[in-house]
Amino acid sequence: MVGDDRRADGGAADLGCAVHFVEHRTVTERPDGLRPVLDL
């Protein structure tokens, strides 16, 4: 599960999912925040 809200999206961990968080920033401030997902 990939999300920006540690409480809401973090709920997936209680089901047994792995969780990865990104920062909630503007489009120009976060050009490549999702790319680390591919490394996982």
Full PDB file with SEQRES, HELIX, SHEET, SSBOND, CRYST1, ORIGX, SCALE, CONECT and MASTER records, all heavy atoms in Angstrom:
SEQRES   1 A   40  MET VAL GLY ASP ASP ARG ARG ALA ASP GLY GLY ALA ALA          
SEQRES   2 A   40  ASP LEU GLY CYS ALA VAL HIS PHE VAL GLU HIS ARG THR          
SEQRES   3 A   40  VAL THR GLU ARG PRO ASP GLY LEU ARG PRO VAL LEU ASP          
SEQRES   4 A   40  LEU                                                          
HELIX    1 AA1 ASP A    9  LEU A   15  5                                   7    
HELIX    2 AA2 PRO A   36  ASP A   39  1                                   4    
SHEET    1 AA1 2 VAL A   2  GLY A   3  0                                        
SHEET    2 AA1 2 HIS A  20  PHE A  21  1                                        
CRYST1    1.000    1.000    1.000  90.00  90.00  90.00 P 1           1          
ORIGX1      1.000000  0.000000  0.000000        0.00000                         
ORIGX2      0.000000  1.000000  0.000000        0.00000                         
ORIGX3      0.000000  0.000000  1.000000        0.00000                         
SCALE1      1.000000  0.000000  0.000000        0.00000                         
SCALE2      0.000000  1.000000  0.000000        0.00000                         
SCALE3      0.000000  0.000000  1.000000        0.00000                         
ATOM      1  N   MET A   1       0.854  -1.187   0.000  1.00  0.00           N  
ATOM      2  CA  MET A   1       0.000   0.000   0.000  1.00  0.00           C  
ATOM      3  C   MET A   1       0.886   1.232   0.000  1.00  0.00           C  
ATOM      4  O   MET A   1       1.791   1.360   0.833  1.00  0.00           O  
ATOM      5  CB  MET A   1      -0.904   0.005   1.245  1.00  0.00           C  
ATOM      6  CG  MET A   1      -1.738   1.277   1.412  1.00  0.00           C  
ATOM      7  SD  MET A   1      -2.998   1.466   0.117  1.00  0.00           S  
ATOM      8  CE  MET A   1      -3.220   3.256   0.097  1.00  0.00           C  
ATOM      9  N   VAL A   2       0.623   2.155  -0.924  1.00  0.00           N  
ATOM     10  CA  VAL A   2       1.402   3.386  -1.041  1.00  0.00           C  
ATOM     11  C   VAL A   2       0.476   4.574  -0.805  1.00  0.00           C  
ATOM     12  O   VAL A   2      -0.550   4.711  -1.489  1.00  0.00           O  
ATOM     13  CB  VAL A   2       2.049   3.510  -2.435  1.00  0.00           C  
ATOM     14  CG1 VAL A   2       2.871   4.801  -2.533  1.00  0.00           C  
ATOM     15  CG2 VAL A   2       2.910   2.290  -2.739  1.00  0.00           C  
ATOM     16  N   GLY A   3       0.812   5.402   0.173  1.00  0.00           N  
ATOM     17  CA  GLY A   3      -0.038   6.554   0.476  1.00  0.00           C  
ATOM     18  C   GLY A   3       0.728   7.643   1.191  1.00  0.00           C  
ATOM     19  O   GLY A   3       1.911   7.481   1.520  1.00  0.00           O  
ATOM     20  N   ASP A   4       0.041   8.743   1.458  1.00  0.00           N  
ATOM     21  CA  ASP A   4       0.682   9.892   2.103  1.00  0.00           C  
ATOM     22  C   ASP A   4       0.184  10.131   3.519  1.00  0.00           C  
ATOM     23  O   ASP A   4       0.717  10.995   4.213  1.00  0.00           O  
ATOM     24  CB  ASP A   4       0.442  11.166   1.278  1.00  0.00           C  
ATOM     25  CG  ASP A   4      -1.029  11.563   1.270  1.00  0.00           C  
ATOM     26  OD1 ASP A   4      -1.864  10.767   0.789  1.00  0.00           O  
ATOM     27  OD2 ASP A   4      -1.350  12.656   1.749  1.00  0.00           O  
ATOM     28  N   ASP A   5      -0.821   9.390   3.944  1.00  0.00           N  
ATOM     29  CA  ASP A   5      -1.427   9.594   5.258  1.00  0.00           C  
ATOM     30  C   ASP A   5      -1.089   8.401   6.159  1.00  0.00           C  
ATOM     31  O   ASP A   5      -1.572   7.291   5.936  1.00  0.00           O  
ATOM     32  CB  ASP A   5      -2.946   9.730   5.110  1.00  0.00           C  
ATOM     33  CG  ASP A   5      -3.650  10.135   6.401  1.00  0.00           C  
ATOM     34  OD1 ASP A   5      -3.274   9.618   7.475  1.00  0.00           O  
ATOM     35  OD2 ASP A   5      -4.581  10.960   6.330  1.00  0.00           O  
ATOM     36  N   ARG A   6      -0.261   8.645   7.164  1.00  0.00           N  
ATOM     37  CA  ARG A   6       0.214   7.537   7.999  1.00  0.00           C  
ATOM     38  C   ARG A   6      -0.914   6.859   8.772  1.00  0.00           C  
ATOM     39  O   ARG A   6      -0.850   5.652   9.022  1.00  0.00           O  
ATOM     40  CB  ARG A   6       1.321   8.027   8.940  1.00  0.00           C  
ATOM     41  CG  ARG A   6       2.577   8.388   8.176  1.00  0.00           C  
ATOM     42  CD  ARG A   6       3.732   8.765   9.063  1.00  0.00           C  
ATOM     43  NE  ARG A   6       4.913   9.009   8.240  1.00  0.00           N  
ATOM     44  CZ  ARG A   6       5.784   8.081   7.850  1.00  0.00           C  
ATOM     45  NH1 ARG A   6       5.610   6.825   8.252  1.00  0.00           N  
ATOM     46  NH2 ARG A   6       6.811   8.378   7.090  1.00  0.00           N  
ATOM     47  N   ARG A   7      -1.919   7.601   9.153  1.00  0.00           N  
ATOM     48  CA  ARG A   7      -3.028   6.980   9.878  1.00  0.00           C  
ATOM     49  C   ARG A   7      -3.942   6.224   8.915  1.00  0.00           C  
ATOM     50  O   ARG A   7      -4.193   5.031   9.088  1.00  0.00           O  
ATOM     51  CB  ARG A   7      -3.823   8.031  10.648  1.00  0.00           C  
ATOM     52  CG  ARG A   7      -5.027   7.431  11.389  1.00  0.00           C  
ATOM     53  CD  ARG A   7      -5.829   8.476  12.153  1.00  0.00           C  
ATOM     54  NE  ARG A   7      -6.995   7.869  12.774  1.00  0.00           N  
ATOM     55  CZ  ARG A   7      -8.159   7.700  12.148  1.00  0.00           C  
ATOM     56  NH1 ARG A   7      -8.305   8.089  10.887  1.00  0.00           N  
ATOM     57  NH2 ARG A   7      -9.187   7.138  12.777  1.00  0.00           N  
ATOM     58  N   ALA A   8      -4.460   6.926   7.911  1.00  0.00           N  
ATOM     59  CA  ALA A   8      -5.436   6.310   7.010  1.00  0.00           C  
ATOM     60  C   ALA A   8      -4.820   5.181   6.191  1.00  0.00           C  
ATOM     61  O   ALA A   8      -5.319   4.051   6.177  1.00  0.00           O  
ATOM     62  CB  ALA A   8      -6.036   7.367   6.087  1.00  0.00           C  
ATOM     63  N   ASP A   9      -3.728   5.469   5.507  1.00  0.00           N  
ATOM     64  CA  ASP A   9      -3.110   4.465   4.642  1.00  0.00           C  
ATOM     65  C   ASP A   9      -2.359   3.409   5.448  1.00  0.00           C  
ATOM     66  O   ASP A   9      -2.229   2.265   5.008  1.00  0.00           O  
ATOM     67  CB  ASP A   9      -2.168   5.154   3.649  1.00  0.00           C  
ATOM     68  CG  ASP A   9      -2.911   6.146   2.756  1.00  0.00           C  
ATOM     69  OD1 ASP A   9      -3.976   5.768   2.232  1.00  0.00           O  
ATOM     70  OD2 ASP A   9      -2.445   7.285   2.595  1.00  0.00           O  
ATOM     71  N   GLY A  10      -1.901   3.808   6.623  1.00  0.00           N  
ATOM     72  CA  GLY A  10      -1.208   2.854   7.477  1.00  0.00           C  
ATOM     73  C   GLY A  10      -2.093   1.738   7.976  1.00  0.00           C  
ATOM     74  O   GLY A  10      -1.594   0.698   8.443  1.00  0.00           O  
ATOM     75  N   GLY A  11      -3.403   1.898   7.873  1.00  0.00           N  
ATOM     76  CA  GLY A  11      -4.320   0.840   8.285  1.00  0.00           C  
ATOM     77  C   GLY A  11      -4.137  -0.445   7.508  1.00  0.00           C  
ATOM     78  O   GLY A  11      -4.520  -1.525   7.976  1.00  0.00           O  
ATOM     79  N   ALA A  12      -3.533  -0.349   6.311  1.00  0.00           N  
ATOM     80  CA  ALA A  12      -3.311  -1.556   5.508  1.00  0.00           C  
ATOM     81  C   ALA A  12      -2.367  -2.533   6.214  1.00  0.00           C  
ATOM     82  O   ALA A  12      -2.438  -3.746   5.992  1.00  0.00           O  
ATOM     83  CB  ALA A  12      -2.749  -1.169   4.143  1.00  0.00           C  
ATOM     84  N   ALA A  13      -1.486  -2.000   7.055  1.00  0.00           N  
ATOM     85  CA  ALA A  13      -0.543  -2.871   7.774  1.00  0.00           C  
ATOM     86  C   ALA A  13      -1.270  -3.824   8.706  1.00  0.00           C  
ATOM     87  O   ALA A  13      -0.816  -4.953   8.940  1.00  0.00           O  
ATOM     88  CB  ALA A  13       0.457  -2.023   8.555  1.00  0.00           C  
ATOM     89  N   ASP A  14      -2.403  -3.390   9.240  1.00  0.00           N  
ATOM     90  CA  ASP A  14      -3.172  -4.245  10.147  1.00  0.00           C  
ATOM     91  C   ASP A  14      -3.786  -5.443   9.425  1.00  0.00           C  
ATOM     92  O   ASP A  14      -4.184  -6.410  10.070  1.00  0.00           O  
ATOM     93  CB  ASP A  14      -4.273  -3.425  10.826  1.00  0.00           C  
ATOM     94  CG  ASP A  14      -3.718  -2.362  11.755  1.00  0.00           C  
ATOM     95  OD1 ASP A  14      -2.621  -2.570  12.300  1.00  0.00           O  
ATOM     96  OD2 ASP A  14      -4.375  -1.316  11.931  1.00  0.00           O  
ATOM     97  N   LEU A  15      -3.863  -5.341   8.103  1.00  0.00           N  
ATOM     98  CA  LEU A  15      -4.374  -6.461   7.306  1.00  0.00           C  
ATOM     99  C   LEU A  15      -3.242  -7.386   6.874  1.00  0.00           C  
ATOM    100  O   LEU A  15      -3.486  -8.483   6.380  1.00  0.00           O  
ATOM    101  CB  LEU A  15      -5.115  -5.923   6.067  1.00  0.00           C  
ATOM    102  CG  LEU A  15      -5.907  -6.911   5.231  1.00  0.00           C  
ATOM    103  CD1 LEU A  15      -7.097  -7.467   6.019  1.00  0.00           C  
ATOM    104  CD2 LEU A  15      -6.383  -6.257   3.936  1.00  0.00           C  
ATOM    105  N   GLY A  16      -2.009  -6.928   7.043  1.00  0.00           N  
ATOM    106  CA  GLY A  16      -0.865  -7.730   6.635  1.00  0.00           C  
ATOM    107  C   GLY A  16      -0.154  -7.217   5.403  1.00  0.00           C  
ATOM    108  O   GLY A  16       0.800  -7.851   4.917  1.00  0.00           O  
ATOM    109  N   CYS A  17      -0.596  -6.064   4.871  1.00  0.00           N  
ATOM    110  CA  CYS A  17       0.062  -5.473   3.710  1.00  0.00           C  
ATOM    111  C   CYS A  17       1.350  -4.771   4.131  1.00  0.00           C  
ATOM    112  O   CYS A  17       1.451  -4.254   5.249  1.00  0.00           O  
ATOM    113  CB  CYS A  17      -0.836  -4.441   3.030  1.00  0.00           C  
ATOM    114  SG  CYS A  17      -2.426  -5.054   2.440  1.00  0.00           S  
ATOM    115  N   ALA A  18       2.310  -4.722   3.230  1.00  0.00           N  
ATOM    116  CA  ALA A  18       3.449  -3.819   3.411  1.00  0.00           C  
ATOM    117  C   ALA A  18       2.958  -2.410   3.102  1.00  0.00           C  
ATOM    118  O   ALA A  18       2.012  -2.225   2.331  1.00  0.00           O  
ATOM    119  CB  ALA A  18       4.576  -4.212   2.470  1.00  0.00           C  
ATOM    120  N   VAL A  19       3.579  -1.418   3.716  1.00  0.00           N  
ATOM    121  CA  VAL A  19       3.144  -0.026   3.520  1.00  0.00           C  
ATOM    122  C   VAL A  19       4.352   0.848   3.224  1.00  0.00           C  
ATOM    123  O   VAL A  19       5.408   0.710   3.848  1.00  0.00           O  
ATOM    124  CB  VAL A  19       2.402   0.507   4.765  1.00  0.00           C  
ATOM    125  CG1 VAL A  19       1.962   1.954   4.546  1.00  0.00           C  
ATOM    126  CG2 VAL A  19       1.194  -0.369   5.090  1.00  0.00           C  
ATOM    127  N   HIS A  20       4.188   1.742   2.256  1.00  0.00           N  
ATOM    128  CA  HIS A  20       5.229   2.718   1.921  1.00  0.00           C  
ATOM    129  C   HIS A  20       4.582   4.098   1.845  1.00  0.00           C  
ATOM    130  O   HIS A  20       3.529   4.254   1.217  1.00  0.00           O  
ATOM    131  CB  HIS A  20       5.872   2.375   0.574  1.00  0.00           C  
ATOM    132  CG  HIS A  20       6.879   3.383   0.109  1.00  0.00           C  
ATOM    133  ND1 HIS A  20       8.148   3.485   0.652  1.00  0.00           N  
ATOM    134  CD2 HIS A  20       6.796   4.351  -0.839  1.00  0.00           C  
ATOM    135  CE1 HIS A  20       8.803   4.458   0.050  1.00  0.00           C  
ATOM    136  NE2 HIS A  20       8.005   5.000  -0.857  1.00  0.00           N  
ATOM    137  N   PHE A  21       5.205   5.081   2.483  1.00  0.00           N  
ATOM    138  CA  PHE A  21       4.638   6.429   2.512  1.00  0.00           C  
ATOM    139  C   PHE A  21       5.413   7.379   1.612  1.00  0.00           C  
ATOM    140  O   PHE A  21       6.642   7.297   1.495  1.00  0.00           O  
ATOM    141  CB  PHE A  21       4.639   6.979   3.944  1.00  0.00           C  
ATOM    142  CG  PHE A  21       3.751   6.209   4.883  1.00  0.00           C  
ATOM    143  CD1 PHE A  21       4.297   5.364   5.841  1.00  0.00           C  
ATOM    144  CD2 PHE A  21       2.374   6.312   4.797  1.00  0.00           C  
ATOM    145  CE1 PHE A  21       3.480   4.646   6.692  1.00  0.00           C  
ATOM    146  CE2 PHE A  21       1.546   5.589   5.642  1.00  0.00           C  
ATOM    147  CZ  PHE A  21       2.102   4.755   6.601  1.00  0.00           C  
ATOM    148  N   VAL A  22       4.647   8.279   0.969  1.00  0.00           N  
ATOM    149  CA  VAL A  22       5.232   9.379   0.208  1.00  0.00           C  
ATOM    150  C   VAL A  22       4.830  10.681   0.888  1.00  0.00           C  
ATOM    151  O   VAL A  22       3.891  10.724   1.684  1.00  0.00           O  
ATOM    152  CB  VAL A  22       4.743   9.379  -1.258  1.00  0.00           C  
ATOM    153  CG1 VAL A  22       5.226   8.138  -1.981  1.00  0.00           C  
ATOM    154  CG2 VAL A  22       3.219   9.489  -1.339  1.00  0.00           C  
ATOM    155  N   GLU A  23       5.538  11.745   0.576  1.00  0.00           N  
ATOM    156  CA  GLU A  23       5.240  13.041   1.175  1.00  0.00           C  
ATOM    157  C   GLU A  23       4.142  13.746   0.396  1.00  0.00           C  
ATOM    158  O   GLU A  23       4.137  13.740  -0.832  1.00  0.00           O  
ATOM    159  CB  GLU A  23       6.498  13.915   1.207  1.00  0.00           C  
ATOM    160  CG  GLU A  23       7.592  13.369   2.101  1.00  0.00           C  
ATOM    161  CD  GLU A  23       8.768  14.313   2.201  1.00  0.00           C  
ATOM    162  OE1 GLU A  23       8.611  15.505   1.840  1.00  0.00           O  
ATOM    163  OE2 GLU A  23       9.838  13.876   2.633  1.00  0.00           O  
ATOM    164  N   HIS A  24       3.215  14.358   1.136  1.00  0.00           N  
ATOM    165  CA  HIS A  24       2.107  15.102   0.518  1.00  0.00           C  
ATOM    166  C   HIS A  24       2.627  16.502   0.178  1.00  0.00           C  
ATOM    167  O   HIS A  24       2.573  17.412   0.993  1.00  0.00           O  
ATOM    168  CB  HIS A  24       0.924  15.175   1.492  1.00  0.00           C  
ATOM    169  CG  HIS A  24      -0.295  15.803   0.898  1.00  0.00           C  
ATOM    170  ND1 HIS A  24      -1.440  15.093   0.630  1.00  0.00           N  
ATOM    171  CD2 HIS A  24      -0.565  17.077   0.513  1.00  0.00           C  
ATOM    172  CE1 HIS A  24      -2.353  15.897   0.121  1.00  0.00           C  
ATOM    173  NE2 HIS A  24      -1.837  17.113   0.041  1.00  0.00           N  
ATOM    174  N   ARG A  25       3.130  16.634  -1.039  1.00  0.00           N  
ATOM    175  CA  ARG A  25       3.676  17.913  -1.495  1.00  0.00           C  
ATOM    176  C   ARG A  25       3.014  18.313  -2.808  1.00  0.00           C  
ATOM    177  O   ARG A  25       2.287  17.527  -3.413  1.00  0.00           O  
ATOM    178  CB  ARG A  25       5.199  17.809  -1.692  1.00  0.00           C  
ATOM    179  CG  ARG A  25       5.984  17.599  -0.400  1.00  0.00           C  
ATOM    180  CD  ARG A  25       7.471  17.533  -0.691  1.00  0.00           C  
ATOM    181  NE  ARG A  25       8.246  17.427   0.546  1.00  0.00           N  
ATOM    182  CZ  ARG A  25       8.744  18.471   1.203  1.00  0.00           C  
ATOM    183  NH1 ARG A  25       8.516  19.704   0.744  1.00  0.00           N  
ATOM    184  NH2 ARG A  25       9.449  18.309   2.313  1.00  0.00           N  
ATOM    185  N   THR A  26       3.292  19.540  -3.245  1.00  0.00           N  
ATOM    186  CA  THR A  26       2.761  19.975  -4.531  1.00  0.00           C  
ATOM    187  C   THR A  26       3.450  19.201  -5.651  1.00  0.00           C  
ATOM    188  O   THR A  26       4.493  18.569  -5.455  1.00  0.00           O  
ATOM    189  CB  THR A  26       2.984  21.483  -4.740  1.00  0.00           C  
ATOM    190  OG1 THR A  26       4.390  21.739  -4.826  1.00  0.00           O  
ATOM    191  CG2 THR A  26       2.386  22.286  -3.594  1.00  0.00           C  
ATOM    192  N   VAL A  27       2.885  19.289  -6.844  1.00  0.00           N  
ATOM    193  CA  VAL A  27       3.427  18.566  -7.997  1.00  0.00           C  
ATOM    194  C   VAL A  27       4.855  19.005  -8.303  1.00  0.00           C  
ATOM    195  O   VAL A  27       5.721  18.178  -8.620  1.00  0.00           O  
ATOM    196  CB  VAL A  27       2.500  18.768  -9.218  1.00  0.00           C  
ATOM    197  CG1 VAL A  27       3.175  18.299 -10.493  1.00  0.00           C  
ATOM    198  CG2 VAL A  27       1.184  18.016  -9.006  1.00  0.00           C  
ATOM    199  N   THR A  28       5.118  20.293  -8.211  1.00  0.00           N  
ATOM    200  CA  THR A  28       6.469  20.775  -8.530  1.00  0.00           C  
ATOM    201  C   THR A  28       7.473  20.434  -7.442  1.00  0.00           C  
ATOM    202  O   THR A  28       8.667  20.302  -7.715  1.00  0.00           O  
ATOM    203  CB  THR A  28       6.456  22.298  -8.751  1.00  0.00           C  
ATOM    204  OG1 THR A  28       5.893  22.946  -7.594  1.00  0.00           O  
ATOM    205  CG2 THR A  28       5.616  22.659  -9.971  1.00  0.00           C  
ATOM    206  N   GLU A  29       7.004  20.269  -6.211  1.00  0.00           N  
ATOM    207  CA  GLU A  29       7.906  19.965  -5.101  1.00  0.00           C  
ATOM    208  C   GLU A  29       8.255  18.481  -5.001  1.00  0.00           C  
ATOM    209  O   GLU A  29       9.187  18.119  -4.284  1.00  0.00           O  
ATOM    210  CB  GLU A  29       7.267  20.402  -3.775  1.00  0.00           C  
ATOM    211  CG  GLU A  29       7.142  21.906  -3.597  1.00  0.00           C  
ATOM    212  CD  GLU A  29       6.359  22.274  -2.353  1.00  0.00           C  
ATOM    213  OE1 GLU A  29       5.492  21.465  -1.943  1.00  0.00           O  
ATOM    214  OE2 GLU A  29       6.600  23.353  -1.818  1.00  0.00           O  
ATOM    215  N   ARG A  30       7.517  17.627  -5.710  1.00  0.00           N  
ATOM    216  CA  ARG A  30       7.746  16.181  -5.581  1.00  0.00           C  
ATOM    217  C   ARG A  30       7.799  15.529  -6.962  1.00  0.00           C  
ATOM    218  O   ARG A  30       6.876  14.852  -7.388  1.00  0.00           O  
ATOM    219  CB  ARG A  30       6.639  15.559  -4.734  1.00  0.00           C  
ATOM    220  CG  ARG A  30       7.081  14.321  -3.939  1.00  0.00           C  
ATOM    221  CD  ARG A  30       5.903  13.542  -3.419  1.00  0.00           C  
ATOM    222  NE  ARG A  30       5.296  12.761  -4.478  1.00  0.00           N  
ATOM    223  CZ  ARG A  30       4.100  12.165  -4.376  1.00  0.00           C  
ATOM    224  NH1 ARG A  30       3.379  12.294  -3.286  1.00  0.00           N  
ATOM    225  NH2 ARG A  30       3.607  11.470  -5.384  1.00  0.00           N  
ATOM    226  N   PRO A  31       8.905  15.738  -7.690  1.00  0.00           N  
ATOM    227  CA  PRO A  31       8.981  15.216  -9.056  1.00  0.00           C  
ATOM    228  C   PRO A  31       9.173  13.709  -9.158  1.00  0.00           C  
ATOM    229  O   PRO A  31       8.831  13.111 -10.179  1.00  0.00           O  
ATOM    230  CB  PRO A  31      10.189  15.959  -9.640  1.00  0.00           C  
ATOM    231  CG  PRO A  31      11.049  16.244  -8.451  1.00  0.00           C  
ATOM    232  CD  PRO A  31      10.089  16.525  -7.327  1.00  0.00           C  
ATOM    233  N   ASP A  32       9.749  13.078  -8.131  1.00  0.00           N  
ATOM    234  CA  ASP A  32      10.065  11.655  -8.253  1.00  0.00           C  
ATOM    235  C   ASP A  32       9.803  10.881  -6.967  1.00  0.00           C  
ATOM    236  O   ASP A  32      10.470   9.897  -6.681  1.00  0.00           O  
ATOM    237  CB  ASP A  32      11.521  11.475  -8.668  1.00  0.00           C  
ATOM    238  CG  ASP A  32      12.493  12.208  -7.745  1.00  0.00           C  
ATOM    239  OD1 ASP A  32      12.038  12.772  -6.732  1.00  0.00           O  
ATOM    240  OD2 ASP A  32      13.704  12.209  -8.039  1.00  0.00           O  
ATOM    241  N   GLY A  33       8.804  11.303  -6.216  1.00  0.00           N  
ATOM    242  CA  GLY A  33       8.516  10.657  -4.938  1.00  0.00           C  
ATOM    243  C   GLY A  33       7.992   9.241  -5.041  1.00  0.00           C  
ATOM    244  O   GLY A  33       8.084   8.469  -4.081  1.00  0.00           O  
ATOM    245  N   LEU A  34       7.460   8.864  -6.206  1.00  0.00           N  
ATOM    246  CA  LEU A  34       6.911   7.521  -6.368  1.00  0.00           C  
ATOM    247  C   LEU A  34       7.935   6.508  -6.872  1.00  0.00           C  
ATOM    248  O   LEU A  34       7.732   5.296  -6.740  1.00  0.00           O  
ATOM    249  CB  LEU A  34       5.721   7.549  -7.344  1.00  0.00           C  
ATOM    250  CG  LEU A  34       4.455   8.239  -6.836  1.00  0.00           C  
ATOM    251  CD1 LEU A  34       3.471   8.443  -7.985  1.00  0.00           C  
ATOM    252  CD2 LEU A  34       3.794   7.445  -5.716  1.00  0.00           C  
ATOM    253  N   ARG A  35       9.020   6.966  -7.423  1.00  0.00           N  
ATOM    254  CA  ARG A  35       9.996   6.041  -8.032  1.00  0.00           C  
ATOM    255  C   ARG A  35      10.565   5.012  -7.052  1.00  0.00           C  
ATOM    256  O   ARG A  35      10.836   3.871  -7.452  1.00  0.00           O  
ATOM    257  CB  ARG A  35      11.119   6.840  -8.701  1.00  0.00           C  
ATOM    258  CG  ARG A  35      10.665   7.495  -9.991  1.00  0.00           C  
ATOM    259  CD  ARG A  35      11.732   8.300 -10.647  1.00  0.00           C  
ATOM    260  NE  ARG A  35      11.190   9.032 -11.798  1.00  0.00           N  
ATOM    261  CZ  ARG A  35      11.675  10.174 -12.239  1.00  0.00           C  
ATOM    262  NH1 ARG A  35      12.722  10.726 -11.647  1.00  0.00           N  
ATOM    263  NH2 ARG A  35      11.116  10.771 -13.270  1.00  0.00           N  
ATOM    264  N   PRO A  36      10.769   5.361  -5.776  1.00  0.00           N  
ATOM    265  CA  PRO A  36      11.264   4.334  -4.850  1.00  0.00           C  
ATOM    266  C   PRO A  36      10.375   3.103  -4.733  1.00  0.00           C  
ATOM    267  O   PRO A  36      10.839   2.033  -4.322  1.00  0.00           O  
ATOM    268  CB  PRO A  36      11.351   5.087  -3.514  1.00  0.00           C  
ATOM    269  CG  PRO A  36      11.588   6.520  -3.909  1.00  0.00           C  
ATOM    270  CD  PRO A  36      10.756   6.702  -5.142  1.00  0.00           C  
ATOM    271  N   VAL A  37       9.097   3.234  -5.116  1.00  0.00           N  
ATOM    272  CA  VAL A  37       8.198   2.080  -5.085  1.00  0.00           C  
ATOM    273  C   VAL A  37       8.737   0.962  -5.962  1.00  0.00           C  
ATOM    274  O   VAL A  37       8.647  -0.232  -5.616  1.00  0.00           O  
ATOM    275  CB  VAL A  37       6.770   2.491  -5.544  1.00  0.00           C  
ATOM    276  CG1 VAL A  37       5.882   1.262  -5.747  1.00  0.00           C  
ATOM    277  CG2 VAL A  37       6.141   3.437  -4.529  1.00  0.00           C  
ATOM    278  N   LEU A  38       9.309   1.317  -7.089  1.00  0.00           N  
ATOM    279  CA  LEU A  38       9.811   0.306  -8.018  1.00  0.00           C  
ATOM    280  C   LEU A  38      10.952  -0.502  -7.420  1.00  0.00           C  
ATOM    281  O   LEU A  38      11.134  -1.676  -7.733  1.00  0.00           O  
ATOM    282  CB  LEU A  38      10.256   0.960  -9.326  1.00  0.00           C  
ATOM    283  CG  LEU A  38       9.157   1.693 -10.101  1.00  0.00           C  
ATOM    284  CD1 LEU A  38       9.736   2.351 -11.346  1.00  0.00           C  
ATOM    285  CD2 LEU A  38       8.012   0.758 -10.466  1.00  0.00           C  
ATOM    286  N   ASP A  39      11.708   0.126  -6.523  1.00  0.00           N  
ATOM    287  CA  ASP A  39      12.812  -0.579  -5.867  1.00  0.00           C  
ATOM    288  C   ASP A  39      12.326  -1.583  -4.840  1.00  0.00           C  
ATOM    289  O   ASP A  39      13.103  -2.441  -4.382  1.00  0.00           O  
ATOM    290  CB  ASP A  39      13.754   0.421  -5.197  1.00  0.00           C  
ATOM    291  CG  ASP A  39      14.435   1.356  -6.193  1.00  0.00           C  
ATOM    292  OD1 ASP A  39      14.635   0.921  -7.353  1.00  0.00           O  
ATOM    293  OD2 ASP A  39      14.716   2.511  -5.823  1.00  0.00           O  
ATOM    294  N   LEU A  40      11.051  -1.455  -4.438  1.00  0.00           N  
ATOM    295  CA  LEU A  40      10.494  -2.360  -3.437  1.00  0.00           C  
ATOM    296  C   LEU A  40       9.882  -3.607  -4.064  1.00  0.00           C  
ATOM    297  O   LEU A  40       9.432  -4.502  -3.358  1.00  0.00           O  
ATOM    298  CB  LEU A  40       9.428  -1.627  -2.616  1.00  0.00           C  
ATOM    299  CG  LEU A  40       9.904  -0.401  -1.835  1.00  0.00           C  
ATOM    300  CD1 LEU A  40       8.711   0.310  -1.180  1.00  0.00           C  
ATOM    301  CD2 LEU A  40      10.922  -0.802  -0.780  1.00  0.00           C  
TER     302      LEU A  40                                                      
MASTER        0    0    0    2    2    0    0    6  301    1    0    4          
END                                                                             
